[in-house]
Amino acid sequence: MADSFGDRVAAAVRESGPLCAGVDPSRALLAAWGLNDDAEGLRAFCDLCVDGFSGSVGVIKPQVAFFERHGSAGMAVLEHLVASASAAGLLVIVDAKRGDIESTAEAYADAWLGDASPLAADAVTVHAYLGLAALAPLVRQAGASGRGVLVVARSSNPEGRALQEAAAPGGVSVGDMLLGEIAALNASPDVPTGTVGAVIGATLPSSGFVLGQLGGVILAPGVGAQGAGPSDVAERFSGCAPGTVLPSSSRGLLDHGPDPDELGRRARSLSRELAALMG
């Protein structure tokens, strides 16, 4: 059986540090990098990111929306990015935030986690608004292939706070209820440890759930442009095991492009600072 996603993330963190680099080719960033807002510019952007981040970080996170906006040509570039990043030794988390009823989740599992799919990455982000149990096909597929499923539980955007902090049965918040369900999945003998993780904004204060009990990877977006610094990350995730937290920065790094050497230098510097504080 393949190593679990959690094992592979831990190995990447030991090798390159905890930073996850976002790949967000927005219209504004393409223009700032002197690239056309089309598939050709998109591909050039991705190639520069792979050149800059390989050897500097262990994990990248492309945001699927910026590829979908270019239609089939954009999705072909995403396939190219997944393949080239993987060939360069980078783990790839596709930030797709998929989620639906079980039959549709099975199709999503084939698309984003199936060995035969050109879009298959090391992990995919999902939402559980239709219930965590509806994501069972994604969890099964990920567990069988050593990939991961990262459930949005506590996002830093203000629009999500009222829903995620609403009281669930038993009085806990919806976000903490999801974290507890994820921990239970990772403790199940049917799910390889570390298969299911969570997305928790790095800008958020701690909640009632003890994050060290999650048993999976935590993707923590919001470092840099959204306001979280390395010391914030170290404080908010202090109880988590080494190699389980991936602080993520997108614009904070990408604003220093398009020179891949500068991208790599900025990424290495931030990753070293995070590693020193996170222990």
Protein backbone atom coordinates (compact mmCIF):
# COMPACT_ATOMS: atom_id res chain seq x y z
CA MET A 1 0.00 0.00 0.00
CA ALA A 2 1.20 3.53 -0.78
CA ASP A 3 2.30 5.79 2.03
CA SER A 4 -0.60 7.84 3.36
CA PHE A 5 -0.98 11.48 2.42
CA GLY A 6 -0.09 12.44 5.98
CA ASP A 7 3.15 10.45 5.77
CA ARG A 8 4.10 12.09 2.48
CA VAL A 9 3.36 15.57 3.78
CA ALA A 10 5.48 14.92 6.88
CA ALA A 11 8.36 13.80 4.65
CA ALA A 12 8.02 16.92 2.48
CA VAL A 13 8.02 19.18 5.55
CA ARG A 14 11.17 17.50 6.89
CA GLU A 15 12.85 18.02 3.53
CA SER A 16 11.72 21.54 2.59
CA GLY A 17 9.91 23.09 5.55
CA PRO A 18 6.19 23.59 6.20
CA LEU A 19 5.30 26.29 3.68
CA CYS A 20 2.68 25.55 0.99
CA ALA A 21 2.95 27.93 -1.97
CA GLY A 22 -0.26 29.00 -3.64
CA VAL A 23 -0.47 29.16 -7.43
CA ASP A 24 -3.19 31.70 -8.16
CA PRO A 25 -2.92 32.99 -11.74
CA SER A 26 -5.51 35.74 -11.46
CA ARG A 27 -6.08 38.28 -14.20
CA ALA A 28 -4.27 40.90 -12.11
CA LEU A 29 -1.23 38.71 -11.47
CA LEU A 30 -0.92 37.66 -15.10
CA ALA A 31 -0.86 41.34 -16.05
CA ALA A 32 1.65 42.18 -13.30
CA TRP A 33 3.94 39.44 -14.59
CA GLY A 34 3.65 40.78 -18.16
CA LEU A 35 1.69 37.75 -19.37
CA ASN A 36 -1.40 37.50 -21.54
CA ASP A 37 -4.71 36.66 -19.89
CA ASP A 38 -5.12 33.47 -21.91
CA ALA A 39 -4.03 29.83 -21.84
CA GLU A 40 -0.57 30.70 -23.14
CA GLY A 41 -0.02 33.22 -20.35
CA LEU A 42 -1.46 30.79 -17.84
CA ARG A 43 0.99 28.08 -18.86
CA ALA A 44 3.94 30.47 -18.70
CA PHE A 45 2.85 31.55 -15.20
CA CYS A 46 2.66 27.94 -14.02
CA ASP A 47 6.05 27.04 -15.50
CA LEU A 48 7.66 29.99 -13.70
CA CYS A 49 6.02 28.89 -10.43
CA VAL A 50 7.28 25.32 -10.77
CA ASP A 51 10.78 26.61 -11.57
CA GLY A 52 10.72 28.90 -8.56
CA PHE A 53 9.11 26.65 -6.00
CA SER A 54 10.73 23.30 -6.79
CA GLY A 55 13.52 22.78 -4.28
CA SER A 56 12.21 25.71 -2.22
CA VAL A 57 8.94 24.27 -0.84
CA GLY A 58 7.52 20.78 -0.67
CA VAL A 59 3.88 21.56 -1.51
CA ILE A 60 2.02 23.82 -3.92
CA LYS A 61 -1.69 24.66 -4.05
CA PRO A 62 -3.19 25.75 -7.37
CA GLN A 63 -6.62 27.42 -7.09
CA VAL A 64 -8.78 25.70 -9.69
CA ALA A 65 -11.05 28.72 -10.31
CA PHE A 66 -8.24 30.60 -12.04
CA PHE A 67 -7.92 27.74 -14.52
CA GLU A 68 -11.64 27.13 -15.00
CA ARG A 69 -12.14 30.73 -16.11
CA HIS A 70 -10.20 29.86 -19.30
CA GLY A 71 -12.45 26.89 -20.12
CA SER A 72 -11.06 23.64 -21.49
CA ALA A 73 -7.78 25.32 -22.44
CA GLY A 74 -7.30 26.40 -18.84
CA MET A 75 -8.04 22.94 -17.50
CA ALA A 76 -5.47 21.54 -19.91
CA VAL A 77 -2.93 23.92 -18.33
CA LEU A 78 -3.95 22.64 -14.89
CA GLU A 79 -3.26 19.08 -16.08
CA HIS A 80 0.14 20.28 -17.29
CA LEU A 81 0.85 21.96 -13.94
CA VAL A 82 -0.06 18.86 -11.92
CA ALA A 83 2.20 16.70 -14.10
CA SER A 84 5.17 19.10 -14.19
CA ALA A 85 5.01 19.89 -10.47
CA SER A 86 4.83 16.20 -9.60
CA ALA A 87 7.78 15.48 -11.88
CA ALA A 88 9.71 18.21 -10.04
CA GLY A 89 9.07 16.48 -6.71
CA LEU A 90 6.34 18.81 -5.44
CA LEU A 91 3.19 17.60 -3.73
CA VAL A 92 0.11 19.20 -5.28
CA ILE A 93 -3.07 20.14 -3.42
CA VAL A 94 -5.76 21.16 -5.89
CA ASP A 95 -7.91 23.82 -4.27
CA ALA A 96 -11.20 22.86 -5.90
CA LYS A 97 -13.58 22.88 -2.89
CA ARG A 98 -15.80 20.19 -4.36
CA GLY A 99 -18.61 18.45 -2.50
CA ASP A 100 -22.00 16.93 -3.28
CA ILE A 101 -24.20 13.88 -2.69
CA GLU A 102 -22.46 10.51 -2.63
CA SER A 103 -23.03 9.54 -6.28
CA THR A 104 -21.59 12.85 -7.49
CA ALA A 105 -18.79 12.69 -4.94
CA GLU A 106 -17.76 9.42 -6.57
CA ALA A 107 -17.29 11.23 -9.87
CA TYR A 108 -15.31 13.96 -8.12
CA ALA A 109 -13.16 11.23 -6.57
CA ASP A 110 -12.41 9.81 -10.03
CA ALA A 111 -11.57 13.28 -11.37
CA TRP A 112 -9.31 14.59 -8.62
CA LEU A 113 -7.96 11.45 -6.92
CA GLY A 114 -8.23 8.59 -9.41
CA ASP A 115 -5.02 7.14 -10.81
CA ALA A 116 -6.37 7.26 -14.37
CA SER A 117 -7.26 10.97 -14.29
CA PRO A 118 -4.85 13.59 -15.67
CA LEU A 119 -6.19 15.97 -13.01
CA ALA A 120 -5.39 13.65 -10.10
CA ALA A 121 -3.27 15.41 -7.51
CA ASP A 122 -1.93 14.50 -4.08
CA ALA A 123 -4.96 16.01 -2.35
CA VAL A 124 -8.10 17.99 -3.05
CA THR A 125 -9.99 20.51 -0.92
CA VAL A 126 -13.68 19.79 -0.36
CA HIS A 127 -16.65 21.24 1.51
CA ALA A 128 -19.03 19.22 3.66
CA TYR A 129 -22.21 21.27 3.47
CA LEU A 130 -24.09 18.14 2.35
CA GLY A 131 -22.60 16.22 5.26
CA LEU A 132 -19.18 14.69 5.79
CA ALA A 133 -20.61 11.21 5.18
CA ALA A 134 -21.51 12.22 1.61
CA LEU A 135 -17.78 12.57 0.92
CA ALA A 136 -17.18 8.87 1.60
CA PRO A 137 -16.24 8.06 -2.05
CA LEU A 138 -13.51 10.72 -1.96
CA VAL A 139 -12.21 9.39 1.35
CA ARG A 140 -12.16 5.80 0.04
CA GLN A 141 -10.37 6.78 -3.15
CA ALA A 142 -7.83 8.90 -1.29
CA GLY A 143 -7.12 6.19 1.27
CA ALA A 144 -6.59 3.55 -1.40
CA SER A 145 -4.09 5.64 -3.37
CA GLY A 146 -2.20 7.50 -0.64
CA ARG A 147 -3.90 10.79 -1.44
CA GLY A 148 -5.69 13.27 0.80
CA VAL A 149 -9.02 15.02 1.29
CA LEU A 150 -8.92 18.41 3.03
CA VAL A 151 -12.27 19.54 4.40
CA VAL A 152 -12.97 23.25 4.78
CA ALA A 153 -13.87 23.52 8.47
CA ARG A 154 -12.94 27.01 9.69
CA SER A 155 -12.29 29.52 6.92
CA SER A 156 -11.00 33.01 7.59
CA ASN A 157 -13.40 34.85 5.29
CA PRO A 158 -15.90 36.88 7.33
CA GLU A 159 -18.84 35.61 5.26
CA GLY A 160 -18.25 32.08 6.56
CA ARG A 161 -17.98 32.81 10.25
CA ALA A 162 -21.72 32.90 11.12
CA LEU A 163 -22.35 29.49 9.52
CA GLN A 164 -19.18 27.83 10.79
CA GLU A 165 -19.66 29.15 14.33
CA ALA A 166 -23.36 28.26 14.51
CA ALA A 167 -24.25 25.74 17.22
CA ALA A 168 -24.55 22.14 16.07
CA PRO A 169 -26.35 19.42 18.06
CA GLY A 170 -24.60 19.11 21.41
CA GLY A 171 -23.77 22.80 21.53
CA VAL A 172 -20.42 22.69 19.68
CA SER A 173 -19.90 24.88 16.65
CA VAL A 174 -20.41 23.48 13.16
CA GLY A 175 -16.69 23.91 12.48
CA ASP A 176 -15.68 22.00 15.60
CA MET A 177 -18.26 19.32 14.86
CA LEU A 178 -16.61 18.78 11.48
CA LEU A 179 -13.17 18.62 13.08
CA GLY A 180 -14.42 15.98 15.50
CA GLU A 181 -15.89 13.93 12.65
CA ILE A 182 -12.59 14.17 10.74
CA ALA A 183 -10.70 12.95 13.81
CA ALA A 184 -13.08 9.99 14.09
CA LEU A 185 -12.51 9.10 10.43
CA ASN A 186 -8.73 9.18 10.84
CA ALA A 187 -9.03 6.94 13.90
CA SER A 188 -11.04 4.38 11.94
CA PRO A 189 -9.19 1.18 10.95
CA ASP A 190 -10.70 1.51 7.48
CA VAL A 191 -9.02 4.86 6.77
CA PRO A 192 -5.21 5.19 6.58
CA THR A 193 -4.07 7.66 9.21
CA GLY A 194 -3.73 11.15 7.83
CA THR A 195 -6.01 10.64 4.81
CA VAL A 196 -8.54 13.27 5.87
CA GLY A 197 -7.41 16.73 6.90
CA ALA A 198 -8.89 20.16 7.39
CA VAL A 199 -8.63 23.68 6.06
CA ILE A 200 -8.36 26.14 8.95
CA GLY A 201 -7.57 29.78 8.33
CA ALA A 202 -4.26 30.89 9.81
CA THR A 203 -5.86 34.21 10.76
CA LEU A 204 -8.38 32.61 13.16
CA PRO A 205 -8.04 32.32 16.92
CA SER A 206 -8.23 28.85 18.45
CA SER A 207 -11.60 27.15 18.84
CA GLY A 208 -12.77 24.53 21.32
CA PHE A 209 -11.44 21.57 19.34
CA VAL A 210 -7.96 20.36 20.27
CA LEU A 211 -6.19 20.39 16.89
CA GLY A 212 -3.55 17.91 18.01
CA GLN A 213 -6.29 15.27 18.05
CA LEU A 214 -7.23 15.69 14.37
CA GLY A 215 -4.97 12.93 13.08
CA GLY A 216 -4.61 14.58 9.69
CA VAL A 217 -3.00 17.41 7.77
CA ILE A 218 -4.09 20.99 8.40
CA LEU A 219 -3.91 23.41 5.48
CA ALA A 220 -3.68 26.91 6.97
CA PRO A 221 -4.19 29.61 4.31
CA GLY A 222 -3.88 33.29 5.08
CA VAL A 223 -0.14 33.81 5.61
CA GLY A 224 1.09 37.10 4.18
CA ALA A 225 -1.49 39.14 2.27
CA GLN A 226 -4.40 38.08 4.50
CA GLY A 227 -2.55 39.17 7.62
CA ALA A 228 -1.23 36.09 9.42
CA GLY A 229 2.48 36.00 10.19
CA PRO A 230 4.76 33.11 11.16
CA SER A 231 4.37 33.85 14.88
CA ASP A 232 0.56 33.71 14.52
CA VAL A 233 0.83 30.30 12.87
CA ALA A 234 3.18 28.99 15.55
CA GLU A 235 0.80 30.12 18.30
CA ARG A 236 -2.46 28.94 16.77
CA PHE A 237 -1.19 25.48 15.80
CA SER A 238 1.20 24.93 18.69
CA GLY A 239 -0.38 21.65 19.81
CA CYS A 240 -0.10 19.94 16.42
CA ALA A 241 2.43 17.24 15.66
CA PRO A 242 5.45 18.22 13.55
CA GLY A 243 4.81 17.85 9.84
CA THR A 244 1.02 18.11 10.06
CA VAL A 245 0.47 21.84 9.45
CA LEU A 246 0.93 23.50 6.05
CA PRO A 247 0.78 27.30 6.35
CA SER A 248 -0.09 28.61 2.91
CA SER A 249 0.83 31.86 1.21
CA SER A 250 -0.27 32.87 -2.28
CA ARG A 251 -0.25 36.59 -3.04
CA GLY A 252 2.41 37.18 -0.39
CA LEU A 253 4.80 35.13 -2.51
CA LEU A 254 3.44 35.68 -6.02
CA ASP A 255 3.68 39.46 -5.77
CA HIS A 256 7.46 38.93 -6.00
CA GLY A 257 7.28 37.25 -9.43
CA PRO A 258 7.84 36.68 -12.23
CA ASP A 259 11.54 35.99 -11.56
CA PRO A 260 11.62 32.32 -10.46
CA ASP A 261 14.85 32.89 -8.53
CA GLU A 262 13.18 35.61 -6.46
CA LEU A 263 10.09 33.43 -5.94
CA GLY A 264 12.30 30.64 -4.66
CA ARG A 265 14.31 32.95 -2.44
CA ARG A 266 11.18 34.44 -0.83
CA ALA A 267 9.65 31.00 -0.35
CA ARG A 268 12.79 29.57 1.28
CA SER A 269 13.08 32.54 3.61
CA LEU A 270 9.45 32.32 4.77
CA SER A 271 9.60 28.54 5.12
CA ARG A 272 12.74 28.74 7.27
CA GLU A 273 11.09 31.35 9.50
CA LEU A 274 8.00 29.20 9.89
CA ALA A 275 10.04 26.09 10.62
CA ALA A 276 12.08 27.86 13.30
CA LEU A 277 8.96 29.04 15.11
CA MET A 278 6.85 25.91 14.67
CA GLY A 279 9.53 23.53 15.93
